[in-house]
Amino acid sequence: MVARRRAQRDIPAGIKAIFLAKDMMKYDPITITKDADLIEASQIMVNHRISGLPVVESNPWT
C-alpha cells in the first residue's frame, strides 16, 4: 500500500487518467530467446535503440 502511494505521487494527476499500460505496450515486442548470446542481445538493443530486452523460452514472433 505504501509503495503504491509512493508510485502514484510521482505521476502527474492528468496522466493517470489518460494513459494505461496497454496504451504504451507494443503488440509485437522485441524479444530474445534464452539461448542467445550477449553479443546478439547487445546488437538488437543498439539496432532498435532500446535499453532492455525481454528473454523468452521461444520467440513466437519469428
Protein backbone atom coordinates (compact mmCIF):
# COMPACT_ATOMS: atom_id res chain seq x y z
CA MET A 1 0.00 0.00 0.00
CA VAL A 2 2.79 2.44 0.87
CA ALA A 3 4.71 1.59 -2.31
CA ARG A 4 1.57 2.17 -4.38
CA ARG A 5 1.01 5.61 -2.84
CA ARG A 6 4.67 6.48 -3.39
CA ALA A 7 4.43 5.47 -7.08
CA GLN A 8 1.20 7.44 -7.55
CA ARG A 9 2.64 10.66 -6.18
CA ASP A 10 5.41 10.54 -8.79
CA ILE A 11 2.90 10.55 -11.68
CA PRO A 12 1.15 13.85 -12.53
CA ALA A 13 -2.61 13.65 -11.94
CA GLY A 14 -3.57 14.34 -15.57
CA ILE A 15 -1.50 11.44 -16.87
CA LYS A 16 -3.16 8.86 -14.62
CA ALA A 17 -6.50 9.48 -16.31
CA ILE A 18 -5.11 9.35 -19.85
CA PHE A 19 -2.57 6.53 -20.12
CA LEU A 20 -2.84 2.87 -19.25
CA ALA A 21 -0.08 0.29 -19.59
CA LYS A 22 -1.85 -1.23 -22.61
CA ASP A 23 -1.65 2.15 -24.36
CA MET A 24 2.15 2.05 -24.16
CA MET A 25 2.71 -1.64 -24.86
CA LYS A 26 3.55 -2.99 -28.31
CA TYR A 27 1.64 -5.88 -29.85
CA ASP A 28 4.85 -7.46 -31.13
CA PRO A 29 7.59 -6.72 -28.58
CA ILE A 30 11.23 -7.20 -29.46
CA THR A 31 12.40 -10.27 -27.56
CA ILE A 32 15.33 -12.66 -27.46
CA THR A 33 15.48 -16.33 -26.62
CA LYS A 34 17.25 -17.61 -23.54
CA ASP A 35 19.81 -19.42 -25.73
CA ALA A 36 21.02 -16.24 -27.49
CA ASP A 37 24.43 -14.85 -26.58
CA LEU A 38 25.15 -11.40 -25.17
CA ILE A 39 26.60 -10.08 -28.43
CA GLU A 40 23.33 -10.81 -30.24
CA ALA A 41 21.35 -9.19 -27.42
CA SER A 42 23.52 -6.07 -27.49
CA GLN A 43 23.26 -5.80 -31.29
CA ILE A 44 19.46 -5.99 -31.13
CA MET A 45 19.31 -3.33 -28.42
CA VAL A 46 21.64 -0.99 -30.30
CA ASN A 47 19.85 -1.51 -33.63
CA HIS A 48 16.42 -0.84 -32.10
CA ARG A 49 17.66 1.88 -29.73
CA ILE A 50 16.21 0.16 -26.66
CA SER A 51 17.70 -0.34 -23.21
CA GLY A 52 16.06 -3.62 -22.25
CA LEU A 53 15.14 -6.87 -23.91
CA PRO A 54 12.68 -9.47 -22.56
CA VAL A 55 14.09 -13.00 -22.57
CA VAL A 56 11.62 -15.71 -23.59
CA GLU A 57 11.68 -19.51 -23.80
CA SER A 58 10.97 -19.38 -27.54
CA ASN A 59 10.24 -16.41 -29.79
CA PRO A 60 6.66 -16.67 -31.12
CA TRP A 61 7.19 -13.72 -33.49
CA THR A 62 9.78 -15.42 -35.72
